[in-house]
Amino acid sequence: MCDVTPRAEVALPADLSAARRARGFLRETLCRVHQEAVLEQALLLLSELAVNAVRHGAPPVRAVVDCRVRVLHLSVSDGSRERPQHRRSPVQAESGRGVDLVDALSEAWGVQLVPSGKTVWCDVAA
């Protein structure tokens, strides 16, 4: 299904404009099959990963989009080794639900620690 779409990677700014840049990058690189099937869900998930990396991580911040046969693999890396945390936010809170959204909307997700920081990834079923 995505044999012709290469893995793509981009540096993101270390501020809240990272979410907008990540969404634009996703729209530019996502294959037609995944765009038709999961674009809106993938935009939301990649935005959440990017915002969390900026708010709770450290530079440098990078995003990766990898179209695979049955899933779209999204990841954001940053320079902090601190793992994301589930927080129970009050209903009226304007933030604090990023990890819960990733958990609820993705097929799978996880964190990979590396010497230079971490990568938070999620898979979106196609």
PDB file of N, CA and C in Angstrom:
ATOM      1  N   MET A   1       0.817  -1.190   0.000  1.00  0.00           N
ATOM      2  CA  MET A   1       0.000   0.000   0.000  1.00  0.00           C
ATOM      3  C   MET A   1       0.861   1.255   0.000  1.00  0.00           C
ATOM      4  N   CYS A   2       1.987   1.284   0.730  1.00  0.00           N
ATOM      5  CA  CYS A   2       2.813   2.482   0.813  1.00  0.00           C
ATOM      6  C   CYS A   2       4.252   2.218   0.399  1.00  0.00           C
ATOM      7  N   ASP A   3       4.442   1.318  -0.517  1.00  0.00           N
ATOM      8  CA  ASP A   3       5.788   0.954  -0.931  1.00  0.00           C
ATOM      9  C   ASP A   3       6.556   2.116  -1.551  1.00  0.00           C
ATOM     10  N   VAL A   4       5.851   3.081  -2.112  1.00  0.00           N
ATOM     11  CA  VAL A   4       6.537   4.179  -2.797  1.00  0.00           C
ATOM     12  C   VAL A   4       6.703   5.413  -1.917  1.00  0.00           C
ATOM     13  N   THR A   5       6.151   5.418  -0.723  1.00  0.00           N
ATOM     14  CA  THR A   5       6.237   6.574   0.155  1.00  0.00           C
ATOM     15  C   THR A   5       7.373   6.380   1.145  1.00  0.00           C
ATOM     16  N   PRO A   6       8.433   7.161   1.034  1.00  0.00           N
ATOM     17  CA  PRO A   6       9.554   6.986   1.947  1.00  0.00           C
ATOM     18  C   PRO A   6       9.270   7.577   3.328  1.00  0.00           C
ATOM     19  N   ARG A   7       9.988   7.080   4.296  1.00  0.00           N
ATOM     20  CA  ARG A   7       9.949   7.638   5.645  1.00  0.00           C
ATOM     21  C   ARG A   7      10.420   9.083   5.540  1.00  0.00           C
ATOM     22  N   ALA A   8       9.747   9.997   6.246  1.00  0.00           N
ATOM     23  CA  ALA A   8      10.105  11.412   6.173  1.00  0.00           C
ATOM     24  C   ALA A   8      10.315  11.954   7.576  1.00  0.00           C
ATOM     25  N   GLU A   9      11.254  12.888   7.694  1.00  0.00           N
ATOM     26  CA  GLU A   9      11.612  13.443   8.990  1.00  0.00           C
ATOM     27  C   GLU A   9      11.796  14.954   8.852  1.00  0.00           C
ATOM     28  N   VAL A  10      11.432  15.697   9.906  1.00  0.00           N
ATOM     29  CA  VAL A  10      11.576  17.145   9.880  1.00  0.00           C
ATOM     30  C   VAL A  10      11.945  17.662  11.266  1.00  0.00           C
ATOM     31  N   ALA A  11      12.766  18.698  11.308  1.00  0.00           N
ATOM     32  CA  ALA A  11      13.058  19.404  12.555  1.00  0.00           C
ATOM     33  C   ALA A  11      11.893  20.343  12.839  1.00  0.00           C
ATOM     34  N   LEU A  12      11.478  20.382  14.090  1.00  0.00           N
ATOM     35  CA  LEU A  12      10.386  21.262  14.501  1.00  0.00           C
ATOM     36  C   LEU A  12      10.927  22.371  15.400  1.00  0.00           C
ATOM     37  N   PRO A  13      10.288  23.540  15.366  1.00  0.00           N
ATOM     38  CA  PRO A  13      10.708  24.607  16.267  1.00  0.00           C
ATOM     39  C   PRO A  13      10.419  24.225  17.716  1.00  0.00           C
ATOM     40  N   ALA A  14      11.198  24.755  18.634  1.00  0.00           N
ATOM     41  CA  ALA A  14      11.027  24.431  20.052  1.00  0.00           C
ATOM     42  C   ALA A  14      10.051  25.403  20.710  1.00  0.00           C
ATOM     43  N   ASP A  15       8.961  25.694  20.009  1.00  0.00           N
ATOM     44  CA  ASP A  15       7.897  26.532  20.563  1.00  0.00           C
ATOM     45  C   ASP A  15       6.561  25.965  20.079  1.00  0.00           C
ATOM     46  N   LEU A  16       5.474  26.590  20.485  1.00  0.00           N
ATOM     47  CA  LEU A  16       4.159  26.021  20.185  1.00  0.00           C
ATOM     48  C   LEU A  16       3.786  26.059  18.704  1.00  0.00           C
ATOM     49  N   SER A  17       4.587  26.740  17.873  1.00  0.00           N
ATOM     50  CA  SER A  17       4.345  26.668  16.432  1.00  0.00           C
ATOM     51  C   SER A  17       4.724  25.292  15.885  1.00  0.00           C
ATOM     52  N   ALA A  18       5.346  24.459  16.713  1.00  0.00           N
ATOM     53  CA  ALA A  18       5.730  23.102  16.294  1.00  0.00           C
ATOM     54  C   ALA A  18       4.521  22.298  15.836  1.00  0.00           C
ATOM     55  N   ALA A  19       3.389  22.480  16.485  1.00  0.00           N
ATOM     56  CA  ALA A  19       2.186  21.726  16.097  1.00  0.00           C
ATOM     57  C   ALA A  19       1.750  22.094  14.688  1.00  0.00           C
ATOM     58  N   ARG A  20       1.748  23.380  14.370  1.00  0.00           N
ATOM     59  CA  ARG A  20       1.361  23.833  13.030  1.00  0.00           C
ATOM     60  C   ARG A  20       2.351  23.305  11.985  1.00  0.00           C
ATOM     61  N   ARG A  21       3.637  23.380  12.295  1.00  0.00           N
ATOM     62  CA  ARG A  21       4.656  22.884  11.365  1.00  0.00           C
ATOM     63  C   ARG A  21       4.529  21.377  11.167  1.00  0.00           C
ATOM     64  N   ALA A  22       4.245  20.646  12.246  1.00  0.00           N
ATOM     65  CA  ALA A  22       4.084  19.193  12.160  1.00  0.00           C
ATOM     66  C   ALA A  22       2.880  18.835  11.288  1.00  0.00           C
ATOM     67  N   ARG A  23       1.778  19.574  11.439  1.00  0.00           N
ATOM     68  CA  ARG A  23       0.596  19.299  10.612  1.00  0.00           C
ATOM     69  C   ARG A  23       0.881  19.562   9.135  1.00  0.00           C
ATOM     70  N   GLY A  24       1.567  20.663   8.844  1.00  0.00           N
ATOM     71  CA  GLY A  24       1.913  20.955   7.455  1.00  0.00           C
ATOM     72  C   GLY A  24       2.822  19.888   6.867  1.00  0.00           C
ATOM     73  N   PHE A  25       3.795  19.464   7.642  1.00  0.00           N
ATOM     74  CA  PHE A  25       4.704  18.404   7.226  1.00  0.00           C
ATOM     75  C   PHE A  25       3.933  17.117   6.927  1.00  0.00           C
ATOM     76  N   LEU A  26       2.988  16.769   7.796  1.00  0.00           N
ATOM     77  CA  LEU A  26       2.195  15.558   7.593  1.00  0.00           C
ATOM     78  C   LEU A  26       1.388  15.651   6.303  1.00  0.00           C
ATOM     79  N   ARG A  27       0.745  16.788   6.065  1.00  0.00           N
ATOM     80  CA  ARG A  27      -0.033  16.959   4.836  1.00  0.00           C
ATOM     81  C   ARG A  27       0.847  16.837   3.591  1.00  0.00           C
ATOM     82  N   GLU A  28       2.087  17.346   3.664  1.00  0.00           N
ATOM     83  CA  GLU A  28       3.007  17.297   2.525  1.00  0.00           C
ATOM     84  C   GLU A  28       3.515  15.890   2.239  1.00  0.00           C
ATOM     85  N   THR A  29       3.715  15.098   3.282  1.00  0.00           N
ATOM     86  CA  THR A  29       4.406  13.818   3.105  1.00  0.00           C
ATOM     87  C   THR A  29       3.499  12.597   3.111  1.00  0.00           C
ATOM     88  N   LEU A  30       2.310  12.721   3.617  1.00  0.00           N
ATOM     89  CA  LEU A  30       1.440  11.555   3.769  1.00  0.00           C
ATOM     90  C   LEU A  30       0.974  11.029   2.422  1.00  0.00           C
ATOM     91  N   CYS A  31       1.044   9.728   2.257  1.00  0.00           N
ATOM     92  CA  CYS A  31       0.616   9.108   1.005  1.00  0.00           C
ATOM     93  C   CYS A  31      -0.895   9.275   0.817  1.00  0.00           C
ATOM     94  N   ARG A  32      -1.343   9.141  -0.412  1.00  0.00           N
ATOM     95  CA  ARG A  32      -2.756   9.339  -0.730  1.00  0.00           C
ATOM     96  C   ARG A  32      -3.658   8.347   0.000  1.00  0.00           C
ATOM     97  N   VAL A  33      -3.213   7.114   0.131  1.00  0.00           N
ATOM     98  CA  VAL A  33      -4.023   6.091   0.803  1.00  0.00           C
ATOM     99  C   VAL A  33      -4.284   6.490   2.251  1.00  0.00           C
ATOM    100  N   HIS A  34      -3.218   6.884   2.966  1.00  0.00           N
ATOM    101  CA  HIS A  34      -3.400   7.272   4.357  1.00  0.00           C
ATOM    102  C   HIS A  34      -4.128   8.603   4.483  1.00  0.00           C
ATOM    103  N   GLN A  35      -3.924   9.518   3.538  1.00  0.00           N
ATOM    104  CA  GLN A  35      -4.646  10.786   3.604  1.00  0.00           C
ATOM    105  C   GLN A  35      -6.145  10.548   3.562  1.00  0.00           C
ATOM    106  N   GLU A  36      -6.570   9.648   2.711  1.00  0.00           N
ATOM    107  CA  GLU A  36      -7.996   9.360   2.591  1.00  0.00           C
ATOM    108  C   GLU A  36      -8.539   8.646   3.817  1.00  0.00           C
ATOM    109  N   ALA A  37      -7.726   7.821   4.454  1.00  0.00           N
ATOM    110  CA  ALA A  37      -8.208   6.974   5.548  1.00  0.00           C
ATOM    111  C   ALA A  37      -8.086   7.607   6.935  1.00  0.00           C
ATOM    112  N   VAL A  38      -6.973   8.297   7.209  1.00  0.00           N
ATOM    113  CA  VAL A  38      -6.706   8.678   8.608  1.00  0.00           C
ATOM    114  C   VAL A  38      -6.164  10.098   8.790  1.00  0.00           C
ATOM    115  N   LEU A  39      -6.316  10.961   7.809  1.00  0.00           N
ATOM    116  CA  LEU A  39      -5.673  12.270   7.881  1.00  0.00           C
ATOM    117  C   LEU A  39      -6.058  13.047   9.143  1.00  0.00           C
ATOM    118  N   GLU A  40      -7.332  13.217   9.405  1.00  0.00           N
ATOM    119  CA  GLU A  40      -7.749  14.043  10.548  1.00  0.00           C
ATOM    120  C   GLU A  40      -7.254  13.478  11.876  1.00  0.00           C
ATOM    121  N   GLN A  41      -7.371  12.196  12.043  1.00  0.00           N
ATOM    122  CA  GLN A  41      -6.886  11.537  13.258  1.00  0.00           C
ATOM    123  C   GLN A  41      -5.371  11.699  13.391  1.00  0.00           C
ATOM    124  N   ALA A  42      -4.655  11.510  12.295  1.00  0.00           N
ATOM    125  CA  ALA A  42      -3.199  11.634  12.313  1.00  0.00           C
ATOM    126  C   ALA A  42      -2.760  13.067  12.597  1.00  0.00           C
ATOM    127  N   LEU A  43      -3.467  14.052  12.058  1.00  0.00           N
ATOM    128  CA  LEU A  43      -3.145  15.457  12.330  1.00  0.00           C
ATOM    129  C   LEU A  43      -3.264  15.767  13.813  1.00  0.00           C
ATOM    130  N   LEU A  44      -4.335  15.302  14.419  1.00  0.00           N
ATOM    131  CA  LEU A  44      -4.542  15.527  15.855  1.00  0.00           C
ATOM    132  C   LEU A  44      -3.445  14.846  16.677  1.00  0.00           C
ATOM    133  N   LEU A  45      -3.150  13.599  16.363  1.00  0.00           N
ATOM    134  CA  LEU A  45      -2.146  12.857  17.133  1.00  0.00           C
ATOM    135  C   LEU A  45      -0.750  13.465  16.996  1.00  0.00           C
ATOM    136  N   LEU A  46      -0.356  13.808  15.780  1.00  0.00           N
ATOM    137  CA  LEU A  46       0.972  14.390  15.598  1.00  0.00           C
ATOM    138  C   LEU A  46       1.066  15.751  16.287  1.00  0.00           C
ATOM    139  N   SER A  47      -0.017  16.533  16.246  1.00  0.00           N
ATOM    140  CA  SER A  47      -0.043  17.812  16.958  1.00  0.00           C
ATOM    141  C   SER A  47       0.167  17.614  18.449  1.00  0.00           C
ATOM    142  N   GLU A  48      -0.526  16.649  19.024  1.00  0.00           N
ATOM    143  CA  GLU A  48      -0.393  16.376  20.457  1.00  0.00           C
ATOM    144  C   GLU A  48       1.026  15.947  20.808  1.00  0.00           C
ATOM    145  N   LEU A  49       1.610  15.071  19.991  1.00  0.00           N
ATOM    146  CA  LEU A  49       2.983  14.640  20.249  1.00  0.00           C
ATOM    147  C   LEU A  49       3.949  15.825  20.178  1.00  0.00           C
ATOM    148  N   ALA A  50       3.755  16.702  19.197  1.00  0.00           N
ATOM    149  CA  ALA A  50       4.640  17.857  19.035  1.00  0.00           C
ATOM    150  C   ALA A  50       4.497  18.835  20.193  1.00  0.00           C
ATOM    151  N   VAL A  51       3.274  19.138  20.586  1.00  0.00           N
ATOM    152  CA  VAL A  51       3.049  20.074  21.699  1.00  0.00           C
ATOM    153  C   VAL A  51       3.624  19.512  22.991  1.00  0.00           C
ATOM    154  N   ASN A  52       3.412  18.238  23.236  1.00  0.00           N
ATOM    155  CA  ASN A  52       3.963  17.636  24.458  1.00  0.00           C
ATOM    156  C   ASN A  52       5.488  17.690  24.460  1.00  0.00           C
ATOM    157  N   ALA A  53       6.115  17.465  23.307  1.00  0.00           N
ATOM    158  CA  ALA A  53       7.572  17.519  23.233  1.00  0.00           C
ATOM    159  C   ALA A  53       8.083  18.925  23.545  1.00  0.00           C
ATOM    160  N   VAL A  54       7.370  19.937  23.074  1.00  0.00           N
ATOM    161  CA  VAL A  54       7.781  21.322  23.320  1.00  0.00           C
ATOM    162  C   VAL A  54       7.514  21.718  24.771  1.00  0.00           C
ATOM    163  N   ARG A  55       6.334  21.397  25.275  1.00  0.00           N
ATOM    164  CA  ARG A  55       5.959  21.814  26.637  1.00  0.00           C
ATOM    165  C   ARG A  55       6.704  21.056  27.729  1.00  0.00           C
ATOM    166  N   HIS A  56       6.904  19.770  27.527  1.00  0.00           N
ATOM    167  CA  HIS A  56       7.440  18.928  28.600  1.00  0.00           C
ATOM    168  C   HIS A  56       8.807  18.336  28.289  1.00  0.00           C
ATOM    169  N   GLY A  57       9.293  18.540  27.081  1.00  0.00           N
ATOM    170  CA  GLY A  57      10.574  17.981  26.681  1.00  0.00           C
ATOM    171  C   GLY A  57      11.631  19.063  26.581  1.00  0.00           C
ATOM    172  N   ALA A  58      12.563  18.863  25.671  1.00  0.00           N
ATOM    173  CA  ALA A  58      13.655  19.799  25.463  1.00  0.00           C
ATOM    174  C   ALA A  58      14.096  19.722  24.007  1.00  0.00           C
ATOM    175  N   PRO A  59      14.666  20.803  23.488  1.00  0.00           N
ATOM    176  CA  PRO A  59      15.183  20.752  22.116  1.00  0.00           C
ATOM    177  C   PRO A  59      16.330  19.757  22.015  1.00  0.00           C
ATOM    178  N   PRO A  60      16.614  19.271  20.842  1.00  0.00           N
ATOM    179  CA  PRO A  60      15.917  19.497  19.578  1.00  0.00           C
ATOM    180  C   PRO A  60      14.659  18.624  19.473  1.00  0.00           C
ATOM    181  N   VAL A  61      13.702  19.085  18.689  1.00  0.00           N
ATOM    182  CA  VAL A  61      12.446  18.367  18.479  1.00  0.00           C
ATOM    183  C   VAL A  61      12.366  17.972  17.006  1.00  0.00           C
ATOM    184  N   ARG A  62      12.057  16.698  16.756  1.00  0.00           N
ATOM    185  CA  ARG A  62      11.960  16.176  15.391  1.00  0.00           C
ATOM    186  C   ARG A  62      10.717  15.306  15.260  1.00  0.00           C
ATOM    187  N   ALA A  63      10.083  15.363  14.093  1.00  0.00           N
ATOM    188  CA  ALA A  63       8.927  14.520  13.803  1.00  0.00           C
ATOM    189  C   ALA A  63       9.260  13.576  12.657  1.00  0.00           C
ATOM    190  N   VAL A  64       8.685  12.375  12.729  1.00  0.00           N
ATOM    191  CA  VAL A  64       8.861  11.369  11.674  1.00  0.00           C
ATOM    192  C   VAL A  64       7.496  10.836  11.272  1.00  0.00           C
ATOM    193  N   VAL A  65       7.287  10.697   9.980  1.00  0.00           N
ATOM    194  CA  VAL A  65       6.088  10.072   9.419  1.00  0.00           C
ATOM    195  C   VAL A  65       6.562   8.879   8.604  1.00  0.00           C
ATOM    196  N   ASP A  66       6.012   7.710   8.919  1.00  0.00           N
ATOM    197  CA  ASP A  66       6.424   6.480   8.245  1.00  0.00           C
ATOM    198  C   ASP A  66       5.172   5.704   7.851  1.00  0.00           C
ATOM    199  N   CYS A  67       4.858   5.726   6.552  1.00  0.00           N
ATOM    200  CA  CYS A  67       3.711   4.964   6.043  1.00  0.00           C
ATOM    201  C   CYS A  67       4.112   3.500   5.938  1.00  0.00           C
ATOM    202  N   ARG A  68       3.422   2.670   6.665  1.00  0.00           N
ATOM    203  CA  ARG A  68       3.683   1.239   6.619  1.00  0.00           C
ATOM    204  C   ARG A  68       2.479   0.541   6.015  1.00  0.00           C
ATOM    205  N   VAL A  69       2.558  -0.740   5.827  1.00  0.00           N
ATOM    206  CA  VAL A  69       1.509  -1.447   5.098  1.00  0.00           C
ATOM    207  C   VAL A  69       0.133  -1.291   5.737  1.00  0.00           C
ATOM    208  N   ARG A  70       0.012  -1.525   7.009  1.00  0.00           N
ATOM    209  CA  ARG A  70      -1.305  -1.465   7.645  1.00  0.00           C
ATOM    210  C   ARG A  70      -1.464  -0.330   8.657  1.00  0.00           C
ATOM    211  N   VAL A  71      -0.385   0.388   8.919  1.00  0.00           N
ATOM    212  CA  VAL A  71      -0.454   1.479   9.890  1.00  0.00           C
ATOM    213  C   VAL A  71       0.355   2.680   9.413  1.00  0.00           C
ATOM    214  N   LEU A  72      -0.018   3.810   9.947  1.00  0.00           N
ATOM    215  CA  LEU A  72       0.760   5.023   9.801  1.00  0.00           C
ATOM    216  C   LEU A  72       1.497   5.204  11.121  1.00  0.00           C
ATOM    217  N   HIS A  73       2.821   5.212  11.071  1.00  0.00           N
ATOM    218  CA  HIS A  73       3.652   5.323  12.268  1.00  0.00           C
ATOM    219  C   HIS A  73       4.109   6.777  12.394  1.00  0.00           C
ATOM    220  N   LEU A  74       3.725   7.426  13.489  1.00  0.00           N
ATOM    221  CA  LEU A  74       4.095   8.810  13.761  1.00  0.00           C
ATOM    222  C   LEU A  74       4.984   8.839  14.986  1.00  0.00           C
ATOM    223  N   SER A  75       5.990   9.697  14.979  1.00  0.00           N
ATOM    224  CA  SER A  75       6.818   9.829  16.172  1.00  0.00           C
ATOM    225  C   SER A  75       7.378  11.232  16.277  1.00  0.00           C
ATOM    226  N   VAL A  76       7.607  11.643  17.522  1.00  0.00           N
ATOM    227  CA  VAL A  76       8.253  12.925  17.803  1.00  0.00           C
ATOM    228  C   VAL A  76       9.329  12.667  18.845  1.00  0.00           C
ATOM    229  N   SER A  77      10.527  13.146  18.549  1.00  0.00           N
ATOM    230  CA  SER A  77      11.666  13.000  19.462  1.00  0.00           C
ATOM    231  C   SER A  77      11.996  14.359  20.064  1.00  0.00           C
ATOM    232  N   ASP A  78      12.507  14.323  21.295  1.00  0.00           N
ATOM    233  CA  ASP A  78      12.994  15.545  21.916  1.00  0.00           C
ATOM    234  C   ASP A  78      14.190  15.210  22.797  1.00  0.00           C
ATOM    235  N   GLY A  79      14.811  16.235  23.355  1.00  0.00           N
ATOM    236  CA  GLY A  79      16.048  16.069  24.095  1.00  0.00           C
ATOM    237  C   GLY A  79      15.908  15.757  25.568  1.00  0.00           C
ATOM    238  N   SER A  80      14.715  15.426  26.035  1.00  0.00           N
ATOM    239  CA  SER A  80      14.499  15.083  27.443  1.00  0.00           C
ATOM    240  C   SER A  80      14.244  13.587  27.580  1.00  0.00           C
ATOM    241  N   ARG A  81      14.767  12.985  28.634  1.00  0.00           N
ATOM    242  CA  ARG A  81      14.505  11.561  28.891  1.00  0.00           C
ATOM    243  C   ARG A  81      13.310  11.364  29.825  1.00  0.00           C
ATOM    244  N   GLU A  82      12.610  12.428  30.175  1.00  0.00           N
ATOM    245  CA  GLU A  82      11.439  12.316  31.047  1.00  0.00           C
ATOM    246  C   GLU A  82      10.257  11.755  30.258  1.00  0.00           C
ATOM    247  N   ARG A  83       9.676  10.685  30.786  1.00  0.00           N
ATOM    248  CA  ARG A  83       8.549  10.024  30.109  1.00  0.00           C
ATOM    249  C   ARG A  83       7.263  10.841  30.240  1.00  0.00           C
ATOM    250  N   PRO A  84       6.403  10.798  29.213  1.00  0.00           N
ATOM    251  CA  PRO A  84       5.101  11.460  29.331  1.00  0.00           C
ATOM    252  C   PRO A  84       4.259  10.778  30.411  1.00  0.00           C
ATOM    253  N   GLN A  85       3.389  11.542  31.039  1.00  0.00           N
ATOM    254  CA  GLN A  85       2.574  11.009  32.129  1.00  0.00           C
ATOM    255  C   GLN A  85       1.094  11.215  31.848  1.00  0.00           C
ATOM    256  N   HIS A  86       0.312  10.194  32.228  1.00  0.00           N
ATOM    257  CA  HIS A  86      -1.143  10.353  32.199  1.00  0.00           C
ATOM    258  C   HIS A  86      -1.515  11.258  33.361  1.00  0.00           C
ATOM    259  N   ARG A  87      -2.269  12.296  33.071  1.00  0.00           N
ATOM    260  CA  ARG A  87      -2.753  13.187  34.129  1.00  0.00           C
ATOM    261  C   ARG A  87      -4.252  13.244  34.038  1.00  0.00           C
ATOM    262  N   ARG A  88      -4.878  13.161  35.143  1.00  0.00           N
ATOM    263  CA  ARG A  88      -6.333  13.290  35.180  1.00  0.00           C
ATOM    264  C   ARG A  88      -6.666  14.767  35.340  1.00  0.00           C
ATOM    265  N   SER A  89      -7.048  15.403  34.243  1.00  0.00           N
ATOM    266  CA  SER A  89      -7.345  16.825  34.249  1.00  0.00           C
ATOM    267  C   SER A  89      -8.819  17.044  34.532  1.00  0.00           C
ATOM    268  N   PRO A  90      -9.139  18.116  35.271  1.00  0.00           N
ATOM    269  CA  PRO A  90     -10.554  18.450  35.478  1.00  0.00           C
ATOM    270  C   PRO A  90     -11.224  18.722  34.130  1.00  0.00           C
ATOM    271  N   VAL A  91     -12.517  18.501  34.082  1.00  0.00           N
ATOM    272  CA  VAL A  91     -13.273  18.669  32.842  1.00  0.00           C
ATOM    273  C   VAL A  91     -13.086  20.069  32.271  1.00  0.00           C
ATOM    274  N   GLN A  92     -13.036  21.077  33.119  1.00  0.00           N
ATOM    275  CA  GLN A  92     -12.925  22.453  32.655  1.00  0.00           C
ATOM    276  C   GLN A  92     -11.493  22.861  32.272  1.00  0.00           C
ATOM    277  N   ALA A  93     -10.512  22.012  32.500  1.00  0.00           N
ATOM    278  CA  ALA A  93      -9.117  22.340  32.175  1.00  0.00           C
ATOM    279  C   ALA A  93      -8.938  22.490  30.668  1.00  0.00           C
ATOM    280  N   GLU A  94      -8.091  23.448  30.269  1.00  0.00           N
ATOM    281  CA  GLU A  94      -7.847  23.694  28.854  1.00  0.00           C
ATOM    282  C   GLU A  94      -6.701  22.869  28.301  1.00  0.00           C
ATOM    283  N   SER A  95      -5.972  22.160  29.139  1.00  0.00           N
ATOM    284  CA  SER A  95      -4.865  21.326  28.673  1.00  0.00           C
ATOM    285  C   SER A  95      -4.715  20.132  29.610  1.00  0.00           C
ATOM    286  N   GLY A  96      -3.756  19.264  29.293  1.00  0.00           N
ATOM    287  CA  GLY A  96      -3.486  18.123  30.155  1.00  0.00           C
ATOM    288  C   GLY A  96      -4.073  16.810  29.692  1.00  0.00           C
ATOM    289  N   ARG A  97      -4.595  16.782  28.473  1.00  0.00           N
ATOM    290  CA  ARG A  97      -5.220  15.558  27.971  1.00  0.00           C
ATOM    291  C   ARG A  97      -4.466  14.917  26.804  1.00  0.00           C
ATOM    292  N   GLY A  98      -3.271  15.398  26.498  1.00  0.00           N
ATOM    293  CA  GLY A  98      -2.535  14.921  25.327  1.00  0.00           C
ATOM    294  C   GLY A  98      -2.254  13.438  25.336  1.00  0.00           C
ATOM    295  N   VAL A  99      -1.720  12.927  26.440  1.00  0.00           N
ATOM    296  CA  VAL A  99      -1.401  11.497  26.511  1.00  0.00           C
ATOM    297  C   VAL A  99      -2.680  10.667  26.456  1.00  0.00           C
ATOM    298  N   ASP A 100      -3.734  11.144  27.108  1.00  0.00           N
ATOM    299  CA  ASP A 100      -5.011  10.423  27.052  1.00  0.00           C
ATOM    300  C   ASP A 100      -5.549  10.360  25.619  1.00  0.00           C
ATOM    301  N   LEU A 101      -5.424  11.460  24.875  1.00  0.00           N
ATOM    302  CA  LEU A 101      -5.871  11.455  23.481  1.00  0.00           C
ATOM    303  C   LEU A 101      -5.061  10.470  22.640  1.00  0.00           C
ATOM    304  N   VAL A 102      -3.761  10.491  22.808  1.00  0.00           N
ATOM    305  CA  VAL A 102      -2.904   9.564  22.062  1.00  0.00           C
ATOM    306  C   VAL A 102      -3.276   8.126  22.402  1.00  0.00           C
ATOM    307  N   ASP A 103      -3.498   7.862  23.673  1.00  0.00           N
ATOM    308  CA  ASP A 103      -3.871   6.518  24.112  1.00  0.00           C
ATOM    309  C   ASP A 103      -5.221   6.092  23.522  1.00  0.00           C
ATOM    310  N   ALA A 104      -6.171   6.997  23.500  1.00  0.00           N
ATOM    311  CA  ALA A 104      -7.524   6.662  23.035  1.00  0.00           C
ATOM    312  C   ALA A 104      -7.623   6.551  21.514  1.00  0.00           C
ATOM    313  N   LEU A 105      -6.876   7.373  20.781  1.00  0.00           N
ATOM    314  CA  LEU A 105      -7.066   7.448  19.334  1.00  0.00           C
ATOM    315  C   LEU A 105      -6.079   6.629  18.509  1.00  0.00           C
ATOM    316  N   SER A 106      -5.034   6.119  19.139  1.00  0.00           N
ATOM    317  CA  SER A 106      -4.055   5.353  18.370  1.00  0.00           C
ATOM    318  C   SER A 106      -4.239   3.856  18.586  1.00  0.00           C
ATOM    319  N   GLU A 107      -3.745   3.109  17.625  1.00  0.00           N
ATOM    320  CA  GLU A 107      -3.773   1.645  17.709  1.00  0.00           C
ATOM    321  C   GLU A 107      -2.828   1.166  18.810  1.00  0.00           C
ATOM    322  N   ALA A 108      -1.679   1.827  18.896  1.00  0.00           N
ATOM    323  CA  ALA A 108      -0.668   1.536  19.906  1.00  0.00           C
ATOM    324  C   ALA A 108       0.199   2.776  20.040  1.00  0.00           C
ATOM    325  N   TRP A 109       0.866   2.903  21.193  1.00  0.00           N
ATOM    326  CA  TRP A 109       1.805   4.006  21.373  1.00  0.00           C
ATOM    327  C   TRP A 109       2.829   3.607  22.420  1.00  0.00           C
ATOM    328  N   GLY A 110       3.927   4.341  22.443  1.00  0.00           N
ATOM    329  CA  GLY A 110       4.953   4.027  23.421  1.00  0.00           C
ATOM    330  C   GLY A 110       6.028   5.089  23.452  1.00  0.00           C
ATOM    331  N   VAL A 111       7.012   4.829  24.300  1.00  0.00           N
ATOM    332  CA  VAL A 111       8.134   5.739  24.486  1.00  0.00           C
ATOM    333  C   VAL A 111       9.415   4.939  24.369  1.00  0.00           C
ATOM    334  N   GLN A 112      10.346   5.448  23.613  1.00  0.00           N
ATOM    335  CA  GLN A 112      11.662   4.828  23.498  1.00  0.00           C
ATOM    336  C   GLN A 112      12.693   5.827  24.011  1.00  0.00           C
ATOM    337  N   LEU A 113      13.392   5.447  25.092  1.00  0.00           N
ATOM    338  CA  LEU A 113      14.450   6.291  25.628  1.00  0.00           C
ATOM    339  C   LEU A 113      15.743   6.026  24.879  1.00  0.00           C
ATOM    340  N   VAL A 114      16.440   7.091  24.557  1.00  0.00           N
ATOM    341  CA  VAL A 114      17.744   7.013  23.902  1.00  0.00           C
ATOM    342  C   VAL A 114      18.693   7.925  24.672  1.00  0.00           C
ATOM    343  N   PRO A 115      19.995   7.768  24.490  1.00  0.00           N
ATOM    344  CA  PRO A 115      20.940   8.607  25.243  1.00  0.00           C
ATOM    345  C   PRO A 115      20.681  10.111  25.096  1.00  0.00           C
ATOM    346  N   SER A 116      20.213  10.533  23.928  1.00  0.00           N
ATOM    347  CA  SER A 116      20.003  11.964  23.687  1.00  0.00           C
ATOM    348  C   SER A 116      18.607  12.454  24.046  1.00  0.00           C
ATOM    349  N   GLY A 117      17.748  11.594  24.578  1.00  0.00           N
ATOM    350  CA  GLY A 117      16.391  12.010  24.933  1.00  0.00           C
ATOM    351  C   GLY A 117      15.395  10.878  24.813  1.00  0.00           C
ATOM    352  N   LYS A 118      14.290  11.148  24.119  1.00  0.00           N
ATOM    353  CA  LYS A 118      13.254  10.126  23.955  1.00  0.00           C
ATOM    354  C   LYS A 118      12.520  10.328  22.648  1.00  0.00           C
ATOM    355  N   THR A 119      11.834   9.271  22.231  1.00  0.00           N
ATOM    356  CA  THR A 119      10.916   9.324  21.093  1.00  0.00           C
ATOM    357  C   THR A 119       9.587   8.783  21.576  1.00  0.00           C
ATOM    358  N   VAL A 120       8.540   9.565  21.377  1.00  0.00           N
ATOM    359  CA  VAL A 120       7.175   9.115  21.670  1.00  0.00           C
ATOM    360  C   VAL A 120       6.547   8.825  20.314  1.00  0.00           C
ATOM    361  N   TRP A 121       5.981   7.637  20.175  1.00  0.00           N
ATOM    362  CA  TRP A 121       5.445   7.197  18.901  1.00  0.00           C
ATOM    363  C   TRP A 121       4.014   6.709  19.059  1.00  0.00           C
ATOM    364  N   CYS A 122       3.303   6.695  17.948  1.00  0.00           N
ATOM    365  CA  CYS A 122       1.974   6.064  17.929  1.00  0.00           C
ATOM    366  C   CYS A 122       1.707   5.531  16.530  1.00  0.00           C
ATOM    367  N   ASP A 123       0.866   4.520  16.472  1.00  0.00           N
ATOM    368  CA  ASP A 123       0.452   3.910  15.228  1.00  0.00           C
ATOM    369  C   ASP A 123      -1.033   4.174  15.003  1.00  0.00           C
ATOM    370  N   VAL A 124      -1.369   4.577  13.783  1.00  0.00           N
ATOM    371  CA  VAL A 124      -2.749   4.813  13.408  1.00  0.00           C
ATOM    372  C   VAL A 124      -3.114   3.745  12.382  1.00  0.00           C
ATOM    373  N   ALA A 125      -4.131   2.954  12.689  1.00  0.00           N
ATOM    374  CA  ALA A 125      -4.539   1.896  11.773  1.00  0.00           C
ATOM    375  C   ALA A 125      -5.102   2.496  10.490  1.00  0.00           C
ATOM    376  N   ALA A 126      -4.695   1.921   9.362  1.00  0.00           N
ATOM    377  CA  ALA A 126      -5.156   2.439   8.063  1.00  0.00           C
ATOM    378  C   ALA A 126      -6.394   1.698   7.636  1.00  0.00           C
TER     379      ALA A 126
END
